[in-house]
Structure formats: structure tokens, C-alpha cells
Amino acid sequence: MHVTDIQISNPTYRQSLGELSAVVSLSADARDVRVLCNVESQPEEEPTKGRLALIRDALRQLRRMPELRAGREELSFAPGVYPSEL
């Protein structure tokens, strides 16, 4: 799967749980994959830190997909899509 774009939609901080949740969409040439991500967060954290944590969780979930786990597909990224901070 060659990821060409990563989008985060509906980010919501749930104070009672201390977590940030959002839908992370990973676009590829042949398909789009959307995963619901929940990460621990604090209200005073920088938005960039939360965004990176959501992307990290999305990639973790993506790597558990059968086609990636079995090695039938490899995960790659278009230039500039993969955050250098990860």
C-alpha cells in the first residue's frame, strides 16, 4: 500500500477519559483506509503532538491488516507524507 495522503477528521478531546480520538484516513492509489484512533492526551498538549500520536496509532492498526502482516503488501509513503517526527 503506497500512502499518498493522511487526513485527520473529527478530532475530539474527551476529558473524562483523558484521550484524544479522531478518524485517520490514509489514502492510496487503489483505496482509502479509515481507522478510529484513540490516544492518551492532556488538554494542554500541543496540537502537533496529538496529531503525531493519532498517525502513529493509525499506522499501528494498519500494520495489523492481514495483507500487511502476511507480507503480501508493503507499506510505503509518497514524498512528504510520512511525518519526519515519527
N, C-alpha and C. Protein backbone atom coordinates (compact mmCIF):
# COMPACT_ATOMS: atom_id res chain seq x y z
N MET A 1 0.85 -1.17 0.00
CA MET A 1 0.00 0.00 0.00
C MET A 1 0.90 1.23 0.00
N HIS A 2 0.74 2.05 -1.02
CA HIS A 2 1.53 3.27 -1.14
C HIS A 2 0.65 4.45 -0.72
N VAL A 3 0.89 4.97 0.47
CA VAL A 3 0.07 6.04 1.05
C VAL A 3 0.44 7.37 0.40
N THR A 4 -0.57 8.04 -0.16
CA THR A 4 -0.34 9.31 -0.83
C THR A 4 -0.83 10.51 -0.03
N ASP A 5 -1.67 10.25 1.00
CA ASP A 5 -2.19 11.36 1.80
C ASP A 5 -2.68 10.83 3.14
N ILE A 6 -2.52 11.63 4.18
CA ILE A 6 -3.04 11.31 5.51
C ILE A 6 -3.88 12.49 5.98
N GLN A 7 -5.12 12.21 6.34
CA GLN A 7 -6.04 13.24 6.83
C GLN A 7 -6.58 12.83 8.19
N ILE A 8 -6.78 13.81 9.06
CA ILE A 8 -7.37 13.57 10.38
C ILE A 8 -8.67 14.35 10.44
N SER A 9 -9.75 13.65 10.76
CA SER A 9 -11.04 14.34 10.85
C SER A 9 -11.72 14.07 12.18
N ASN A 10 -12.55 15.00 12.57
CA ASN A 10 -13.32 14.93 13.81
C ASN A 10 -12.48 14.70 15.07
N PRO A 11 -11.38 15.43 15.25
CA PRO A 11 -10.62 15.25 16.49
C PRO A 11 -11.45 15.72 17.69
N THR A 12 -11.52 14.90 18.70
CA THR A 12 -12.31 15.20 19.89
C THR A 12 -11.52 14.83 21.13
N TYR A 13 -11.39 15.79 22.03
CA TYR A 13 -10.73 15.50 23.31
C TYR A 13 -11.80 15.15 24.32
N ARG A 14 -11.67 13.97 24.91
CA ARG A 14 -12.63 13.54 25.93
C ARG A 14 -11.95 13.63 27.29
N GLN A 15 -12.28 14.68 28.00
CA GLN A 15 -11.61 14.99 29.27
C GLN A 15 -11.82 13.89 30.30
N SER A 16 -13.01 13.31 30.36
CA SER A 16 -13.29 12.28 31.36
C SER A 16 -12.40 11.05 31.18
N LEU A 17 -11.97 10.79 29.94
CA LEU A 17 -11.10 9.65 29.66
C LEU A 17 -9.64 10.06 29.48
N GLY A 18 -9.40 11.35 29.34
CA GLY A 18 -8.04 11.83 29.11
C GLY A 18 -7.48 11.35 27.79
N GLU A 19 -8.34 11.34 26.76
CA GLU A 19 -7.88 10.86 25.47
C GLU A 19 -8.38 11.73 24.33
N LEU A 20 -7.62 11.66 23.27
CA LEU A 20 -7.94 12.33 22.02
C LEU A 20 -8.38 11.26 21.04
N SER A 21 -9.50 11.46 20.38
CA SER A 21 -9.95 10.50 19.38
C SER A 21 -10.21 11.22 18.07
N ALA A 22 -10.02 10.50 16.97
CA ALA A 22 -10.25 11.05 15.64
C ALA A 22 -10.29 9.91 14.63
N VAL A 23 -10.79 10.22 13.46
CA VAL A 23 -10.73 9.28 12.34
C VAL A 23 -9.53 9.69 11.50
N VAL A 24 -8.63 8.74 11.28
CA VAL A 24 -7.45 8.99 10.45
C VAL A 24 -7.66 8.26 9.13
N SER A 25 -7.58 9.01 8.03
CA SER A 25 -7.77 8.46 6.69
C SER A 25 -6.42 8.39 5.99
N LEU A 26 -6.10 7.22 5.50
CA LEU A 26 -4.87 7.01 4.75
C LEU A 26 -5.28 6.70 3.31
N SER A 27 -4.90 7.58 2.40
CA SER A 27 -5.29 7.42 1.00
C SER A 27 -4.17 6.78 0.22
N ALA A 28 -4.55 5.85 -0.65
CA ALA A 28 -3.62 5.19 -1.55
C ALA A 28 -4.22 5.25 -2.95
N ASP A 29 -3.47 4.83 -3.93
CA ASP A 29 -3.96 4.88 -5.31
C ASP A 29 -5.23 4.05 -5.48
N ALA A 30 -5.23 2.86 -4.93
CA ALA A 30 -6.34 1.94 -5.16
C ALA A 30 -7.44 2.00 -4.11
N ARG A 31 -7.17 2.58 -2.94
CA ARG A 31 -8.17 2.56 -1.87
C ARG A 31 -7.87 3.59 -0.80
N ASP A 32 -8.88 3.80 0.04
CA ASP A 32 -8.74 4.64 1.22
C ASP A 32 -9.04 3.76 2.44
N VAL A 33 -8.23 3.93 3.47
CA VAL A 33 -8.45 3.19 4.71
C VAL A 33 -8.71 4.21 5.81
N ARG A 34 -9.79 4.02 6.55
CA ARG A 34 -10.13 4.91 7.65
C ARG A 34 -10.12 4.11 8.94
N VAL A 35 -9.42 4.62 9.94
CA VAL A 35 -9.37 3.94 11.23
C VAL A 35 -9.70 4.94 12.34
N LEU A 36 -10.42 4.44 13.33
CA LEU A 36 -10.73 5.24 14.50
C LEU A 36 -9.57 5.10 15.47
N CYS A 37 -9.00 6.21 15.87
CA CYS A 37 -7.84 6.20 16.76
C CYS A 37 -8.17 6.90 18.07
N ASN A 38 -7.68 6.33 19.15
CA ASN A 38 -7.81 6.91 20.49
C ASN A 38 -6.43 6.88 21.13
N VAL A 39 -5.95 8.04 21.56
CA VAL A 39 -4.64 8.12 22.19
C VAL A 39 -4.74 8.92 23.48
N GLU A 40 -3.90 8.56 24.45
CA GLU A 40 -3.86 9.32 25.69
C GLU A 40 -3.38 10.74 25.39
N SER A 41 -3.99 11.70 26.07
CA SER A 41 -3.65 13.08 25.80
C SER A 41 -4.02 13.95 27.00
N GLN A 42 -3.44 15.10 27.04
CA GLN A 42 -3.76 16.10 28.05
C GLN A 42 -4.26 17.34 27.33
N PRO A 43 -5.18 18.09 27.94
CA PRO A 43 -5.74 19.26 27.24
C PRO A 43 -4.70 20.33 26.90
N GLU A 44 -3.61 20.39 27.66
CA GLU A 44 -2.62 21.44 27.40
C GLU A 44 -1.54 21.02 26.41
N GLU A 45 -1.61 19.79 25.86
CA GLU A 45 -0.61 19.34 24.90
C GLU A 45 -0.73 20.11 23.59
N GLU A 46 0.40 20.24 22.92
CA GLU A 46 0.43 20.90 21.63
C GLU A 46 -0.38 20.09 20.62
N PRO A 47 -1.09 20.75 19.72
CA PRO A 47 -1.87 20.01 18.70
C PRO A 47 -1.01 19.09 17.84
N THR A 48 0.23 19.51 17.57
CA THR A 48 1.13 18.70 16.76
C THR A 48 1.42 17.36 17.42
N LYS A 49 1.61 17.37 18.73
CA LYS A 49 1.89 16.13 19.46
C LYS A 49 0.71 15.17 19.37
N GLY A 50 -0.51 15.69 19.50
CA GLY A 50 -1.70 14.85 19.37
C GLY A 50 -1.86 14.30 17.97
N ARG A 51 -1.57 15.14 16.97
CA ARG A 51 -1.68 14.70 15.58
C ARG A 51 -0.70 13.56 15.30
N LEU A 52 0.52 13.69 15.77
CA LEU A 52 1.52 12.64 15.56
C LEU A 52 1.12 11.35 16.27
N ALA A 53 0.57 11.47 17.47
CA ALA A 53 0.13 10.29 18.22
C ALA A 53 -1.00 9.58 17.48
N LEU A 54 -1.92 10.34 16.89
CA LEU A 54 -3.02 9.74 16.13
C LEU A 54 -2.49 9.02 14.89
N ILE A 55 -1.56 9.63 14.19
CA ILE A 55 -0.97 9.00 13.00
C ILE A 55 -0.22 7.74 13.39
N ARG A 56 0.52 7.80 14.48
CA ARG A 56 1.26 6.63 14.97
C ARG A 56 0.30 5.48 15.26
N ASP A 57 -0.84 5.79 15.91
CA ASP A 57 -1.82 4.75 16.21
C ASP A 57 -2.46 4.20 14.94
N ALA A 58 -2.73 5.06 13.97
CA ALA A 58 -3.30 4.61 12.70
C ALA A 58 -2.34 3.66 11.98
N LEU A 59 -1.06 3.98 11.98
CA LEU A 59 -0.07 3.12 11.34
C LEU A 59 0.06 1.78 12.07
N ARG A 60 -0.05 1.81 13.39
CA ARG A 60 -0.02 0.57 14.17
C ARG A 60 -1.19 -0.33 13.76
N GLN A 61 -2.37 0.27 13.65
CA GLN A 61 -3.54 -0.50 13.25
C GLN A 61 -3.42 -1.00 11.80
N LEU A 62 -2.89 -0.17 10.93
CA LEU A 62 -2.73 -0.53 9.54
C LEU A 62 -1.79 -1.73 9.38
N ARG A 63 -0.72 -1.75 10.16
CA ARG A 63 0.24 -2.85 10.07
C ARG A 63 -0.34 -4.18 10.54
N ARG A 64 -1.47 -4.14 11.23
CA ARG A 64 -2.13 -5.37 11.68
C ARG A 64 -3.11 -5.93 10.63
N MET A 65 -3.29 -5.20 9.54
CA MET A 65 -4.17 -5.70 8.47
C MET A 65 -3.54 -6.97 7.88
N PRO A 66 -4.36 -7.97 7.56
CA PRO A 66 -3.84 -9.26 7.09
C PRO A 66 -2.86 -9.16 5.92
N GLU A 67 -3.14 -8.31 4.95
CA GLU A 67 -2.26 -8.23 3.78
C GLU A 67 -0.88 -7.68 4.12
N LEU A 68 -0.81 -6.82 5.12
CA LEU A 68 0.48 -6.28 5.55
C LEU A 68 1.19 -7.26 6.49
N ARG A 69 0.44 -7.85 7.40
CA ARG A 69 1.05 -8.81 8.34
C ARG A 69 1.62 -10.02 7.62
N ALA A 70 0.92 -10.48 6.59
CA ALA A 70 1.36 -11.68 5.86
C ALA A 70 2.46 -11.36 4.85
N GLY A 71 2.73 -10.09 4.62
CA GLY A 71 3.78 -9.71 3.69
C GLY A 71 3.34 -9.67 2.24
N ARG A 72 2.03 -9.77 1.98
CA ARG A 72 1.54 -9.69 0.60
C ARG A 72 1.63 -8.27 0.07
N GLU A 73 1.63 -7.30 0.97
CA GLU A 73 1.78 -5.89 0.60
C GLU A 73 2.82 -5.25 1.51
N GLU A 74 3.45 -4.21 0.98
CA GLU A 74 4.38 -3.43 1.78
C GLU A 74 3.81 -2.03 1.95
N LEU A 75 4.14 -1.43 3.06
CA LEU A 75 3.68 -0.08 3.35
C LEU A 75 4.76 0.91 2.92
N SER A 76 4.37 1.85 2.07
CA SER A 76 5.30 2.90 1.63
C SER A 76 4.54 4.22 1.58
N PHE A 77 5.29 5.30 1.45
CA PHE A 77 4.70 6.64 1.52
C PHE A 77 5.22 7.51 0.38
N ALA A 78 4.34 8.35 -0.13
CA ALA A 78 4.74 9.33 -1.14
C ALA A 78 5.65 10.36 -0.45
N PRO A 79 6.51 11.01 -1.20
CA PRO A 79 7.40 12.02 -0.61
C PRO A 79 6.60 13.08 0.14
N GLY A 80 7.04 13.38 1.36
CA GLY A 80 6.43 14.41 2.17
C GLY A 80 5.20 14.00 2.95
N VAL A 81 4.74 12.77 2.80
CA VAL A 81 3.53 12.33 3.50
C VAL A 81 3.86 11.81 4.90
N TYR A 82 4.92 11.03 5.02
CA TYR A 82 5.29 10.45 6.32
C TYR A 82 5.92 11.53 7.19
N PRO A 83 5.33 11.83 8.34
CA PRO A 83 5.89 12.87 9.21
C PRO A 83 7.31 12.51 9.69
N SER A 84 8.23 13.41 9.50
CA SER A 84 9.63 13.14 9.88
C SER A 84 9.79 12.97 11.40
N GLU A 85 8.84 13.47 12.17
CA GLU A 85 8.93 13.37 13.62
C GLU A 85 8.65 11.95 14.14
N LEU A 86 8.04 11.11 13.30
CA LEU A 86 7.76 9.74 13.71
C LEU A 86 9.01 8.96 13.59
